[in-house]
Amino acid sequence: MNDKTAFFGGSIPENYDQGLGPHIFIDYAAELAERVSAEDPELILELAAGTGIVTRELRNKLPVDCHIIATDLSPIMLGVAAAKFGGHESVEFEEVDAMTLPFDDEAFDVVVCQFGVMFFPDKVESFREALRVLRPGGVYHLNVWDSFDGNPFGRVIQETVEAQIPVDPPQFYRMPFSYPDPAVIEADLRAAGFEDITFEAISLQKDLDYPLFMRGLIHGNPMMTELMELGADLDEISEAVEEALKAEFGDPGTMPLRAIFVRAA
C-alpha cells in the first residue's frame, strides 16, 4: 500500500469509525460475520481490520472459544479497535502487512477481509498469502465495493472534489470502487490457487445523517491529508460535498449501497 492509503493518523480513525461506520460499514460487517460463523471456525485471521468494525461483529457472533487475530497496517487504527474489547474476549491485534503475512502455513480456519483487498498493491500475491495460511478446507471470506454505479456517493464525492480542485485533485475515492468485476476477482483468486469461488452482490438503502456522514467522508480518510497538503479549505470542501449529496439523495436522504461478497476455498 502507498503512504496515502495506509496513513490513518491523528483524528482520522475516530472520524472514520464514527462517521463512516454506521453509514457504510456496519451492515456489511454483520453480514460478513454471519457468513464466517457458518464455517464454525476455531481460529480466524482478519486482514485490514481498521477500527475493528468487523472484528466486533465477529466476536459478537462467534463462540467464546473461537480466537480472532485482527491485523492492519495502521497501529493507530488498531488502537481504536482494541478499545472496543475487554481482555477476556479472545481477540488479539497485530500490525501486519497483508502482502507478507508473518504466520505459519495452514494456521487458520478462516481468513476474512472487509473492503481491504481493493487497496492491496498485488492482489494475486495477497490472495496467495491468504491461501498459504489457511488450513486444508479453510475458507477466505471477503467483500469489495461494487462500482460507482452501485455506490453513487463515491462518484458524487470524487466529482465534487475534482470540481473544487481542478488541478491534480485527490483521487482517493476512486480506489475503494476500483475492483468490482467478479470475473477479474475470480481470475486473481484462481491465479493464487483458490478453486471453489462464489459471489453474491448485496444491495442496501441507508438513511443519511449528513453531519455525521460528512465527518467520516472528509475527516475520516487519508483524503483529508491530501486536501490539507494542497491548502484546501476543508470546511468549503465539506459544504460543497454535502450540498452535492443532498442534491443526489434528498434531505432527509437515503442512499443506495452495493457490495460484492466472495467465498473462496
C-alpha atoms as a PDB file:
ATOM      1  CA  MET A   1       0.000   0.000   0.000  1.00  0.00           C
ATOM      2  CA  ASN A   2       1.181   3.527  -0.600  1.00  0.00           C
ATOM      3  CA  ASP A   3       1.614   6.038   2.199  1.00  0.00           C
ATOM      4  CA  LYS A   4      -1.587   7.917   1.361  1.00  0.00           C
ATOM      5  CA  THR A   5      -3.906   4.921   1.617  1.00  0.00           C
ATOM      6  CA  ALA A   6      -2.097   3.402   4.591  1.00  0.00           C
ATOM      7  CA  PHE A   7      -1.944   6.608   6.682  1.00  0.00           C
ATOM      8  CA  PHE A   8      -4.761   6.936   9.205  1.00  0.00           C
ATOM      9  CA  GLY A   9      -3.266   9.214  11.830  1.00  0.00           C
ATOM     10  CA  GLY A  10      -4.498  11.988  14.089  1.00  0.00           C
ATOM     11  CA  SER A  11      -8.279  12.203  14.363  1.00  0.00           C
ATOM     12  CA  ILE A  12      -8.874  10.193  11.173  1.00  0.00           C
ATOM     13  CA  PRO A  13      -9.519   6.818  12.876  1.00  0.00           C
ATOM     14  CA  GLU A  14     -12.215   8.173  15.194  1.00  0.00           C
ATOM     15  CA  ASN A  15     -13.920  10.105  12.390  1.00  0.00           C
ATOM     16  CA  TYR A  16     -13.733   7.028  10.164  1.00  0.00           C
ATOM     17  CA  ASP A  17     -15.221   4.812  12.850  1.00  0.00           C
ATOM     18  CA  GLN A  18     -17.973   7.167  13.994  1.00  0.00           C
ATOM     19  CA  GLY A  19     -18.857   8.797  10.669  1.00  0.00           C
ATOM     20  CA  LEU A  20     -18.437   6.035   8.103  1.00  0.00           C
ATOM     21  CA  GLY A  21     -19.008   3.034  10.350  1.00  0.00           C
ATOM     22  CA  PRO A  22     -22.775   3.385  10.854  1.00  0.00           C
ATOM     23  CA  HIS A  23     -23.390   4.536   7.277  1.00  0.00           C
ATOM     24  CA  ILE A  24     -21.428   2.204   5.014  1.00  0.00           C
ATOM     25  CA  PHE A  25     -19.661  -0.477   7.081  1.00  0.00           C
ATOM     26  CA  ILE A  26     -21.724  -1.885   9.934  1.00  0.00           C
ATOM     27  CA  ASP A  27     -24.439  -3.694   7.953  1.00  0.00           C
ATOM     28  CA  TYR A  28     -21.953  -5.389   5.674  1.00  0.00           C
ATOM     29  CA  ALA A  29     -19.793  -6.249   8.694  1.00  0.00           C
ATOM     30  CA  ALA A  30     -22.734  -8.050  10.296  1.00  0.00           C
ATOM     31  CA  GLU A  31     -23.362  -9.955   7.067  1.00  0.00           C
ATOM     32  CA  LEU A  32     -19.720 -10.953   6.787  1.00  0.00           C
ATOM     33  CA  ALA A  33     -19.658 -12.129  10.405  1.00  0.00           C
ATOM     34  CA  GLU A  34     -22.742 -14.248   9.758  1.00  0.00           C
ATOM     35  CA  ARG A  35     -21.033 -15.932   6.820  1.00  0.00           C
ATOM     36  CA  VAL A  36     -17.855 -16.573   8.792  1.00  0.00           C
ATOM     37  CA  SER A  37     -19.860 -18.013  11.681  1.00  0.00           C
ATOM     38  CA  ALA A  38     -21.404 -20.576   9.341  1.00  0.00           C
ATOM     39  CA  GLU A  39     -17.920 -22.062   8.820  1.00  0.00           C
ATOM     40  CA  ASP A  40     -17.712 -22.979  12.544  1.00  0.00           C
ATOM     41  CA  PRO A  41     -14.086 -21.767  12.834  1.00  0.00           C
ATOM     42  CA  GLU A  42     -11.773 -22.058  15.823  1.00  0.00           C
ATOM     43  CA  LEU A  43      -9.073 -19.599  14.677  1.00  0.00           C
ATOM     44  CA  ILE A  44      -9.684 -16.581  12.429  1.00  0.00           C
ATOM     45  CA  LEU A  45      -7.301 -14.153  10.761  1.00  0.00           C
ATOM     46  CA  GLU A  46      -8.775 -10.772   9.862  1.00  0.00           C
ATOM     47  CA  LEU A  47      -6.934  -8.606   7.324  1.00  0.00           C
ATOM     48  CA  ALA A  48      -7.283  -4.806   7.062  1.00  0.00           C
ATOM     49  CA  ALA A  49      -9.279  -4.789  10.302  1.00  0.00           C
ATOM     50  CA  GLY A  50      -9.148  -0.999  10.627  1.00  0.00           C
ATOM     51  CA  THR A  51     -11.080   0.206  13.682  1.00  0.00           C
ATOM     52  CA  GLY A  52     -12.491  -3.228  14.421  1.00  0.00           C
ATOM     53  CA  ILE A  53     -15.969  -2.854  12.965  1.00  0.00           C
ATOM     54  CA  VAL A  54     -15.937  -6.384  11.550  1.00  0.00           C
ATOM     55  CA  THR A  55     -13.896  -7.656  14.499  1.00  0.00           C
ATOM     56  CA  ARG A  56     -16.611  -6.566  16.920  1.00  0.00           C
ATOM     57  CA  GLU A  57     -19.299  -8.250  14.831  1.00  0.00           C
ATOM     58  CA  LEU A  58     -17.244 -11.439  14.625  1.00  0.00           C
ATOM     59  CA  ARG A  59     -16.716 -11.518  18.383  1.00  0.00           C
ATOM     60  CA  ASN A  60     -20.428 -10.932  18.994  1.00  0.00           C
ATOM     61  CA  LYS A  61     -21.414 -13.734  16.640  1.00  0.00           C
ATOM     62  CA  LEU A  62     -18.830 -16.456  17.307  1.00  0.00           C
ATOM     63  CA  PRO A  63     -18.461 -18.854  20.245  1.00  0.00           C
ATOM     64  CA  VAL A  64     -16.251 -17.625  23.068  1.00  0.00           C
ATOM     65  CA  ASP A  65     -13.620 -20.284  22.359  1.00  0.00           C
ATOM     66  CA  CYS A  66     -13.067 -19.054  18.792  1.00  0.00           C
ATOM     67  CA  HIS A  67      -9.910 -16.921  18.728  1.00  0.00           C
ATOM     68  CA  ILE A  68      -9.543 -13.906  16.420  1.00  0.00           C
ATOM     69  CA  ILE A  69      -6.298 -12.307  15.276  1.00  0.00           C
ATOM     70  CA  ALA A  70      -7.156  -8.897  13.803  1.00  0.00           C
ATOM     71  CA  THR A  71      -4.462  -7.229  11.715  1.00  0.00           C
ATOM     72  CA  ASP A  72      -3.887  -3.949   9.926  1.00  0.00           C
ATOM     73  CA  LEU A  73      -1.019  -1.809   8.654  1.00  0.00           C
ATOM     74  CA  SER A  74      -2.025   1.067  10.938  1.00  0.00           C
ATOM     75  CA  PRO A  75      -1.303   0.711  14.665  1.00  0.00           C
ATOM     76  CA  ILE A  76      -3.403   3.817  15.285  1.00  0.00           C
ATOM     77  CA  MET A  77      -6.464   2.225  13.687  1.00  0.00           C
ATOM     78  CA  LEU A  78      -5.827  -0.951  15.667  1.00  0.00           C
ATOM     79  CA  GLY A  79      -5.671   1.104  18.852  1.00  0.00           C
ATOM     80  CA  VAL A  80      -9.220   2.310  18.226  1.00  0.00           C
ATOM     81  CA  ALA A  81     -10.244  -1.274  17.505  1.00  0.00           C
ATOM     82  CA  ALA A  82      -8.646  -2.690  20.643  1.00  0.00           C
ATOM     83  CA  ALA A  83     -10.525  -0.194  22.824  1.00  0.00           C
ATOM     84  CA  LYS A  84     -13.774  -1.932  21.841  1.00  0.00           C
ATOM     85  CA  PHE A  85     -12.777  -5.165  23.576  1.00  0.00           C
ATOM     86  CA  GLY A  86     -12.157  -6.478  27.048  1.00  0.00           C
ATOM     87  CA  GLY A  87      -9.149  -8.586  27.906  1.00  0.00           C
ATOM     88  CA  HIS A  88     -11.317 -11.685  28.294  1.00  0.00           C
ATOM     89  CA  GLU A  89     -12.671 -11.666  24.734  1.00  0.00           C
ATOM     90  CA  SER A  90     -10.029 -13.779  22.945  1.00  0.00           C
ATOM     91  CA  VAL A  91      -9.090 -11.154  20.363  1.00  0.00           C
ATOM     92  CA  GLU A  92      -5.550 -10.024  19.650  1.00  0.00           C
ATOM     93  CA  PHE A  93      -4.327  -7.224  17.406  1.00  0.00           C
ATOM     94  CA  GLU A  94      -1.181  -7.193  15.297  1.00  0.00           C
ATOM     95  CA  GLU A  95       0.345  -4.662  12.913  1.00  0.00           C
ATOM     96  CA  VAL A  96       0.686  -6.779   9.762  1.00  0.00           C
ATOM     97  CA  ASP A  97       1.136  -6.239   6.032  1.00  0.00           C
ATOM     98  CA  ALA A  98      -1.359  -8.437   4.165  1.00  0.00           C
ATOM     99  CA  MET A  99       1.208  -8.895   1.406  1.00  0.00           C
ATOM    100  CA  THR A 100       3.674 -10.702   3.705  1.00  0.00           C
ATOM    101  CA  LEU A 101       1.789 -12.461   6.472  1.00  0.00           C
ATOM    102  CA  PRO A 102       4.028 -13.404   9.432  1.00  0.00           C
ATOM    103  CA  PHE A 103       2.087 -16.593  10.186  1.00  0.00           C
ATOM    104  CA  ASP A 104       2.780 -20.265   9.691  1.00  0.00           C
ATOM    105  CA  ASP A 105       1.398 -22.243   6.775  1.00  0.00           C
ATOM    106  CA  GLU A 106      -2.027 -23.820   7.331  1.00  0.00           C
ATOM    107  CA  ALA A 107      -2.628 -21.930  10.590  1.00  0.00           C
ATOM    108  CA  PHE A 108      -6.179 -20.586  10.243  1.00  0.00           C
ATOM    109  CA  ASP A 109      -9.652 -21.943   9.618  1.00  0.00           C
ATOM    110  CA  VAL A 110     -10.905 -18.700   8.072  1.00  0.00           C
ATOM    111  CA  VAL A 111      -9.321 -15.555   6.675  1.00  0.00           C
ATOM    112  CA  VAL A 112     -11.669 -12.575   6.470  1.00  0.00           C
ATOM    113  CA  CYS A 113     -11.273  -9.131   4.922  1.00  0.00           C
ATOM    114  CA  GLN A 114     -13.858  -6.379   4.605  1.00  0.00           C
ATOM    115  CA  PHE A 115     -13.237  -3.704   1.945  1.00  0.00           C
ATOM    116  CA  GLY A 116      -9.475  -4.053   2.086  1.00  0.00           C
ATOM    117  CA  VAL A 117      -8.456  -6.011  -0.994  1.00  0.00           C
ATOM    118  CA  MET A 118      -9.004  -3.026  -3.291  1.00  0.00           C
ATOM    119  CA  PHE A 119      -6.054  -1.302  -1.589  1.00  0.00           C
ATOM    120  CA  PHE A 120      -3.623  -4.223  -1.811  1.00  0.00           C
ATOM    121  CA  PRO A 121      -0.931  -3.409  -4.406  1.00  0.00           C
ATOM    122  CA  ASP A 122      -0.617  -7.006  -5.667  1.00  0.00           C
ATOM    123  CA  LYS A 123      -3.956  -8.728  -5.263  1.00  0.00           C
ATOM    124  CA  VAL A 124      -2.802 -12.122  -6.523  1.00  0.00           C
ATOM    125  CA  GLU A 125       0.071 -12.131  -4.048  1.00  0.00           C
ATOM    126  CA  SER A 126      -2.279 -11.136  -1.216  1.00  0.00           C
ATOM    127  CA  PHE A 127      -4.609 -13.993  -2.180  1.00  0.00           C
ATOM    128  CA  ARG A 128      -1.652 -16.363  -2.348  1.00  0.00           C
ATOM    129  CA  GLU A 129      -0.643 -15.383   1.172  1.00  0.00           C
ATOM    130  CA  ALA A 130      -4.207 -15.872   2.421  1.00  0.00           C
ATOM    131  CA  LEU A 131      -4.317 -19.342   0.891  1.00  0.00           C
ATOM    132  CA  ARG A 132      -0.927 -20.220   2.364  1.00  0.00           C
ATOM    133  CA  VAL A 133      -2.074 -19.570   5.929  1.00  0.00           C
ATOM    134  CA  LEU A 134      -5.397 -21.392   5.509  1.00  0.00           C
ATOM    135  CA  ARG A 135      -5.703 -24.944   6.727  1.00  0.00           C
ATOM    136  CA  PRO A 136      -6.890 -27.595   4.244  1.00  0.00           C
ATOM    137  CA  GLY A 137     -10.594 -26.971   3.857  1.00  0.00           C
ATOM    138  CA  GLY A 138     -10.208 -23.408   5.119  1.00  0.00           C
ATOM    139  CA  VAL A 139     -12.124 -20.519   3.607  1.00  0.00           C
ATOM    140  CA  TYR A 140     -11.402 -16.920   2.667  1.00  0.00           C
ATOM    141  CA  HIS A 141     -14.401 -14.615   3.122  1.00  0.00           C
ATOM    142  CA  LEU A 142     -14.037 -11.115   1.698  1.00  0.00           C
ATOM    143  CA  ASN A 143     -16.096  -8.333   0.275  1.00  0.00           C
ATOM    144  CA  VAL A 144     -15.392  -5.425  -2.066  1.00  0.00           C
ATOM    145  CA  TRP A 145     -17.393  -2.411  -3.112  1.00  0.00           C
ATOM    146  CA  ASP A 146     -19.231  -2.512  -6.397  1.00  0.00           C
ATOM    147  CA  SER A 147     -18.548   0.357  -8.798  1.00  0.00           C
ATOM    148  CA  PHE A 148     -19.757   3.951  -8.592  1.00  0.00           C
ATOM    149  CA  ASP A 149     -22.970   2.761 -10.263  1.00  0.00           C
ATOM    150  CA  GLY A 150     -23.890   0.779  -7.170  1.00  0.00           C
ATOM    151  CA  ASN A 151     -22.386   3.296  -4.728  1.00  0.00           C
ATOM    152  CA  PRO A 152     -23.103   6.743  -6.172  1.00  0.00           C
ATOM    153  CA  PHE A 153     -21.981   8.551  -3.027  1.00  0.00           C
ATOM    154  CA  GLY A 154     -18.396   7.794  -4.059  1.00  0.00           C
ATOM    155  CA  ARG A 155     -18.920   9.298  -7.503  1.00  0.00           C
ATOM    156  CA  VAL A 156     -20.566  12.405  -6.027  1.00  0.00           C
ATOM    157  CA  ILE A 157     -17.679  12.999  -3.630  1.00  0.00           C
ATOM    158  CA  GLN A 158     -14.996  12.438  -6.260  1.00  0.00           C
ATOM    159  CA  GLU A 159     -16.680  14.670  -8.832  1.00  0.00           C
ATOM    160  CA  THR A 160     -17.258  17.427  -6.257  1.00  0.00           C
ATOM    161  CA  VAL A 161     -13.649  17.384  -5.062  1.00  0.00           C
ATOM    162  CA  GLU A 162     -12.420  17.470  -8.668  1.00  0.00           C
ATOM    163  CA  ALA A 163     -14.654  20.478  -9.342  1.00  0.00           C
ATOM    164  CA  GLN A 164     -13.281  22.254  -6.263  1.00  0.00           C
ATOM    165  CA  ILE A 165      -9.661  21.360  -7.076  1.00  0.00           C
ATOM    166  CA  PRO A 166      -9.437  21.136 -10.868  1.00  0.00           C
ATOM    167  CA  VAL A 167      -5.641  20.774 -10.990  1.00  0.00           C
ATOM    168  CA  ASP A 168      -4.261  17.465  -9.685  1.00  0.00           C
ATOM    169  CA  PRO A 169      -7.169  16.743  -7.298  1.00  0.00           C
ATOM    170  CA  PRO A 170      -7.011  13.892  -4.769  1.00  0.00           C
ATOM    171  CA  GLN A 171      -8.097  10.573  -6.273  1.00  0.00           C
ATOM    172  CA  PHE A 172      -8.676   8.661  -3.058  1.00  0.00           C
ATOM    173  CA  TYR A 173     -12.359   7.923  -3.659  1.00  0.00           C
ATOM    174  CA  ARG A 174     -11.640   6.130  -6.902  1.00  0.00           C
ATOM    175  CA  MET A 175      -9.653   3.431  -5.116  1.00  0.00           C
ATOM    176  CA  PRO A 176     -12.385   1.796  -2.999  1.00  0.00           C
ATOM    177  CA  PHE A 177     -14.574   1.227  -6.071  1.00  0.00           C
ATOM    178  CA  SER A 178     -11.791   0.084  -8.389  1.00  0.00           C
ATOM    179  CA  TYR A 179     -12.157  -3.697  -8.073  1.00  0.00           C
ATOM    180  CA  PRO A 180     -15.818  -4.559  -8.718  1.00  0.00           C
ATOM    181  CA  ASP A 181     -15.609  -7.108 -11.559  1.00  0.00           C
ATOM    182  CA  PRO A 182     -16.270 -10.702 -10.386  1.00  0.00           C
ATOM    183  CA  ALA A 183     -14.515 -12.065 -13.473  1.00  0.00           C
ATOM    184  CA  VAL A 184     -11.324 -10.192 -12.578  1.00  0.00           C
ATOM    185  CA  ILE A 185     -11.561 -11.146  -8.912  1.00  0.00           C
ATOM    186  CA  GLU A 186     -12.123 -14.812  -9.795  1.00  0.00           C
ATOM    187  CA  ALA A 187      -9.173 -14.814 -12.190  1.00  0.00           C
ATOM    188  CA  ASP A 188      -6.929 -13.350  -9.487  1.00  0.00           C
ATOM    189  CA  LEU A 189      -8.131 -15.858  -6.885  1.00  0.00           C
ATOM    190  CA  ARG A 190      -7.583 -18.779  -9.253  1.00  0.00           C
ATOM    191  CA  ALA A 191      -4.119 -17.473 -10.143  1.00  0.00           C
ATOM    192  CA  ALA A 192      -3.349 -17.600  -6.419  1.00  0.00           C
ATOM    193  CA  GLY A 193      -4.564 -21.200  -6.151  1.00  0.00           C
ATOM    194  CA  PHE A 194      -8.164 -20.954  -4.944  1.00  0.00           C
ATOM    195  CA  GLU A 195     -10.510 -23.312  -6.763  1.00  0.00           C
ATOM    196  CA  ASP A 196     -14.033 -23.023  -5.306  1.00  0.00           C
ATOM    197  CA  ILE A 197     -15.207 -19.399  -5.657  1.00  0.00           C
ATOM    198  CA  THR A 198     -18.693 -17.952  -5.286  1.00  0.00           C
ATOM    199  CA  PHE A 199     -20.055 -14.399  -5.447  1.00  0.00           C
ATOM    200  CA  GLU A 200     -23.104 -12.583  -4.164  1.00  0.00           C
ATOM    201  CA  ALA A 201     -23.947  -8.894  -4.610  1.00  0.00           C
ATOM    202  CA  ILE A 202     -25.881  -7.362  -1.715  1.00  0.00           C
ATOM    203  CA  SER A 203     -27.634  -4.005  -2.048  1.00  0.00           C
ATOM    204  CA  LEU A 204     -28.788  -1.775   0.807  1.00  0.00           C
ATOM    205  CA  GLN A 205     -30.578   1.516   1.317  1.00  0.00           C
ATOM    206  CA  LYS A 206     -29.138   3.691   4.080  1.00  0.00           C
ATOM    207  CA  ASP A 207     -30.679   6.724   5.756  1.00  0.00           C
ATOM    208  CA  LEU A 208     -28.242   9.607   5.982  1.00  0.00           C
ATOM    209  CA  ASP A 209     -27.252  11.683   8.983  1.00  0.00           C
ATOM    210  CA  TYR A 210     -25.434  14.299   6.922  1.00  0.00           C
ATOM    211  CA  PRO A 211     -23.340  15.952   9.677  1.00  0.00           C
ATOM    212  CA  LEU A 212     -22.147  12.572  10.916  1.00  0.00           C
ATOM    213  CA  PHE A 213     -21.593  11.199   7.416  1.00  0.00           C
ATOM    214  CA  MET A 214     -19.598  14.280   6.398  1.00  0.00           C
ATOM    215  CA  ARG A 215     -17.379  13.809   9.434  1.00  0.00           C
ATOM    216  CA  GLY A 216     -16.347  10.451   8.041  1.00  0.00           C
ATOM    217  CA  LEU A 217     -16.271  11.305   4.354  1.00  0.00           C
ATOM    218  CA  ILE A 218     -13.938  14.288   4.631  1.00  0.00           C
ATOM    219  CA  HIS A 219     -12.234  13.926   8.009  1.00  0.00           C
ATOM    220  CA  GLY A 220     -12.161  10.137   8.295  1.00  0.00           C
ATOM    221  CA  ASN A 221      -9.838   9.026   5.497  1.00  0.00           C
ATOM    222  CA  PRO A 222      -6.427   9.914   4.011  1.00  0.00           C
ATOM    223  CA  MET A 223      -8.003  12.303   1.505  1.00  0.00           C
ATOM    224  CA  MET A 224      -8.104  14.827   4.348  1.00  0.00           C
ATOM    225  CA  THR A 225      -4.305  14.769   4.489  1.00  0.00           C
ATOM    226  CA  GLU A 226      -4.079  15.300   0.739  1.00  0.00           C
ATOM    227  CA  LEU A 227      -6.526  18.209   0.888  1.00  0.00           C
ATOM    228  CA  MET A 228      -4.572  19.847   3.693  1.00  0.00           C
ATOM    229  CA  GLU A 229      -1.317  19.431   1.774  1.00  0.00           C
ATOM    230  CA  LEU A 230      -2.961  21.200  -1.169  1.00  0.00           C
ATOM    231  CA  GLY A 231      -4.058  24.060   1.092  1.00  0.00           C
ATOM    232  CA  ALA A 232      -7.745  23.347   0.524  1.00  0.00           C
ATOM    233  CA  ASP A 233     -10.345  24.723   2.898  1.00  0.00           C
ATOM    234  CA  LEU A 234     -11.859  21.604   4.489  1.00  0.00           C
ATOM    235  CA  ASP A 235     -14.988  23.467   5.559  1.00  0.00           C
ATOM    236  CA  GLU A 236     -15.603  24.636   1.999  1.00  0.00           C
ATOM    237  CA  ILE A 237     -14.989  21.152   0.618  1.00  0.00           C
ATOM    238  CA  SER A 238     -17.322  19.639   3.213  1.00  0.00           C
ATOM    239  CA  GLU A 239     -20.059  22.168   2.421  1.00  0.00           C
ATOM    240  CA  ALA A 240     -19.760  21.535  -1.310  1.00  0.00           C
ATOM    241  CA  VAL A 241     -19.855  17.754  -0.870  1.00  0.00           C
ATOM    242  CA  GLU A 242     -22.821  17.928   1.485  1.00  0.00           C
ATOM    243  CA  GLU A 243     -24.760  20.084  -0.962  1.00  0.00           C
ATOM    244  CA  ALA A 244     -23.960  17.685  -3.792  1.00  0.00           C
ATOM    245  CA  LEU A 245     -25.033  14.675  -1.731  1.00  0.00           C
ATOM    246  CA  LYS A 246     -28.304  16.350  -0.779  1.00  0.00           C
ATOM    247  CA  ALA A 247     -28.949  17.150  -4.428  1.00  0.00           C
ATOM    248  CA  GLU A 248     -28.369  13.477  -5.272  1.00  0.00           C
ATOM    249  CA  PHE A 249     -30.132  11.776  -2.347  1.00  0.00           C
ATOM    250  CA  GLY A 250     -32.504  14.377  -0.884  1.00  0.00           C
ATOM    251  CA  ASP A 251     -32.774  15.872   2.574  1.00  0.00           C
ATOM    252  CA  PRO A 252     -33.580  13.853   4.600  1.00  0.00           C
ATOM    253  CA  GLY A 253     -31.628  11.494   2.397  1.00  0.00           C
ATOM    254  CA  THR A 254     -31.428   7.804   1.619  1.00  0.00           C
ATOM    255  CA  MET A 255     -28.601   6.389  -0.479  1.00  0.00           C
ATOM    256  CA  PRO A 256     -28.049   3.020  -2.153  1.00  0.00           C
ATOM    257  CA  LEU A 257     -25.037   0.832  -1.429  1.00  0.00           C
ATOM    258  CA  ARG A 258     -23.891  -2.360  -3.118  1.00  0.00           C
ATOM    259  CA  ALA A 259     -21.102  -4.718  -2.112  1.00  0.00           C
ATOM    260  CA  ILE A 260     -19.860  -7.974  -3.591  1.00  0.00           C
ATOM    261  CA  PHE A 261     -19.285 -10.867  -1.179  1.00  0.00           C
ATOM    262  CA  VAL A 262     -16.807 -13.556  -2.122  1.00  0.00           C
ATOM    263  CA  ARG A 263     -16.225 -17.000  -0.628  1.00  0.00           C
ATOM    264  CA  ALA A 264     -13.054 -18.715  -1.806  1.00  0.00           C
ATOM    265  CA  ALA A 265     -11.688 -22.127  -0.861  1.00  0.00           C
END
